[in-house]
Amino acid sequence: MRAGGRHVNVMTRPGRLADVPDPRPRHSSPPPLRPNALLTVAIITLLWIVALVVLLVFGHLLPVDDRWWRWVCVAGIALGLIGIGYFARSPFRR
């Protein structure tokens, strides 16, 4: 059963061969992408800010025991600002 690609035969059991697709790549791999870490951290920090605003507006609908989520958003914003400061001076930004 060939699907149109190169195949190699490998031993499955003594004396039996199986038709397996050739694992070698046909083309060279593309160069790796350089991530824009500063943009990524800035977008995630912005999402934490949006989540905090939503919790501040609709937080009264949450039970008293679940109001700690506001502090999770504050921690996310604080860590995001640290990340923005770090990646602004980092070689990972474009």
Protein backbone atom coordinates (compact mmCIF):
# COMPACT_ATOMS: atom_id res chain seq x y z
CA MET A 1 0.00 0.00 0.00
CA ARG A 2 1.86 3.03 -1.25
CA ALA A 3 0.39 6.50 -0.90
CA GLY A 4 2.66 8.04 -3.51
CA GLY A 5 5.68 8.81 -1.31
CA ARG A 6 8.98 7.04 -0.77
CA HIS A 7 8.75 3.95 1.38
CA VAL A 8 11.26 1.75 3.14
CA ASN A 9 10.85 -1.82 4.26
CA VAL A 10 11.42 -2.60 7.93
CA MET A 11 11.30 -5.86 9.79
CA THR A 12 8.14 -6.20 11.88
CA ARG A 13 8.64 -9.82 12.86
CA PRO A 14 11.41 -12.16 11.85
CA GLY A 15 10.99 -12.86 8.17
CA ARG A 16 8.21 -10.26 7.55
CA LEU A 17 8.63 -6.81 6.03
CA ALA A 18 6.30 -3.86 6.48
CA ASP A 19 5.98 -0.93 4.08
CA VAL A 20 6.62 2.23 6.15
CA PRO A 21 6.88 5.84 4.89
CA ASP A 22 10.47 7.10 4.68
CA PRO A 23 11.12 9.31 7.75
CA ARG A 24 13.75 11.42 5.99
CA PRO A 25 12.49 14.89 5.04
CA ARG A 26 12.04 15.62 1.36
CA HIS A 27 12.74 19.34 1.70
CA SER A 28 15.00 21.36 3.90
CA SER A 29 13.38 22.75 7.02
CA PRO A 30 12.39 26.43 7.05
CA PRO A 31 14.35 28.73 9.33
CA PRO A 32 12.92 29.03 12.85
CA LEU A 33 10.66 31.98 13.57
CA ARG A 34 11.91 34.62 15.96
CA PRO A 35 9.18 35.35 18.48
CA ASN A 36 8.27 38.92 19.31
CA ALA A 37 8.29 38.42 23.08
CA LEU A 38 7.61 42.08 23.90
CA LEU A 39 4.42 42.12 21.86
CA THR A 40 3.32 38.79 23.33
CA VAL A 41 3.81 39.93 26.93
CA ALA A 42 2.12 43.28 26.21
CA ILE A 43 -0.97 41.58 24.76
CA ILE A 44 -1.24 39.17 27.69
CA THR A 45 -0.87 42.06 30.15
CA LEU A 46 -3.62 43.91 28.31
CA LEU A 47 -5.86 40.85 28.67
CA TRP A 48 -5.19 40.83 32.44
CA ILE A 49 -6.21 44.49 32.56
CA VAL A 50 -9.44 43.71 30.71
CA ALA A 51 -10.13 40.84 33.12
CA LEU A 52 -9.59 43.14 36.10
CA VAL A 53 -11.97 45.75 34.67
CA VAL A 54 -14.63 43.08 34.10
CA LEU A 55 -14.21 41.83 37.66
CA LEU A 56 -14.40 45.36 39.06
CA VAL A 57 -17.60 46.06 37.11
CA PHE A 58 -19.32 42.71 37.68
CA GLY A 59 -17.47 41.58 40.82
CA HIS A 60 -20.49 42.19 43.02
CA LEU A 61 -22.13 39.21 41.30
CA LEU A 62 -19.43 36.85 42.57
CA PRO A 63 -19.75 35.10 45.91
CA VAL A 64 -17.62 36.63 48.64
CA ASP A 65 -15.31 33.61 48.63
CA ASP A 66 -14.46 34.11 44.94
CA ARG A 67 -13.47 37.76 45.05
CA TRP A 68 -9.79 36.79 45.29
CA TRP A 69 -9.76 36.65 41.48
CA ARG A 70 -9.21 40.41 41.49
CA TRP A 71 -5.84 39.85 43.11
CA VAL A 72 -4.97 37.23 40.51
CA CYS A 73 -5.52 39.90 37.84
CA VAL A 74 -3.42 42.41 39.79
CA ALA A 75 -0.60 39.85 40.07
CA GLY A 76 -0.86 39.12 36.32
CA ILE A 77 -0.66 42.82 35.52
CA ALA A 78 2.34 43.30 37.83
CA LEU A 79 4.20 40.35 36.34
CA GLY A 80 3.31 41.54 32.84
CA LEU A 81 4.76 44.98 33.55
CA ILE A 82 7.95 43.34 34.81
CA GLY A 83 8.03 41.25 31.62
CA ILE A 84 7.52 44.33 29.44
CA GLY A 85 10.41 46.04 31.23
CA TYR A 86 12.60 42.97 30.78
CA PHE A 87 11.83 42.33 27.12
CA ALA A 88 12.11 46.01 26.20
CA ARG A 89 15.86 45.65 26.81
CA SER A 90 16.11 42.05 25.62
CA PRO A 91 17.54 40.78 22.32
CA PHE A 92 14.28 38.81 21.82
CA ARG A 93 12.36 41.86 20.67
CA ARG A 94 12.34 42.63 16.97
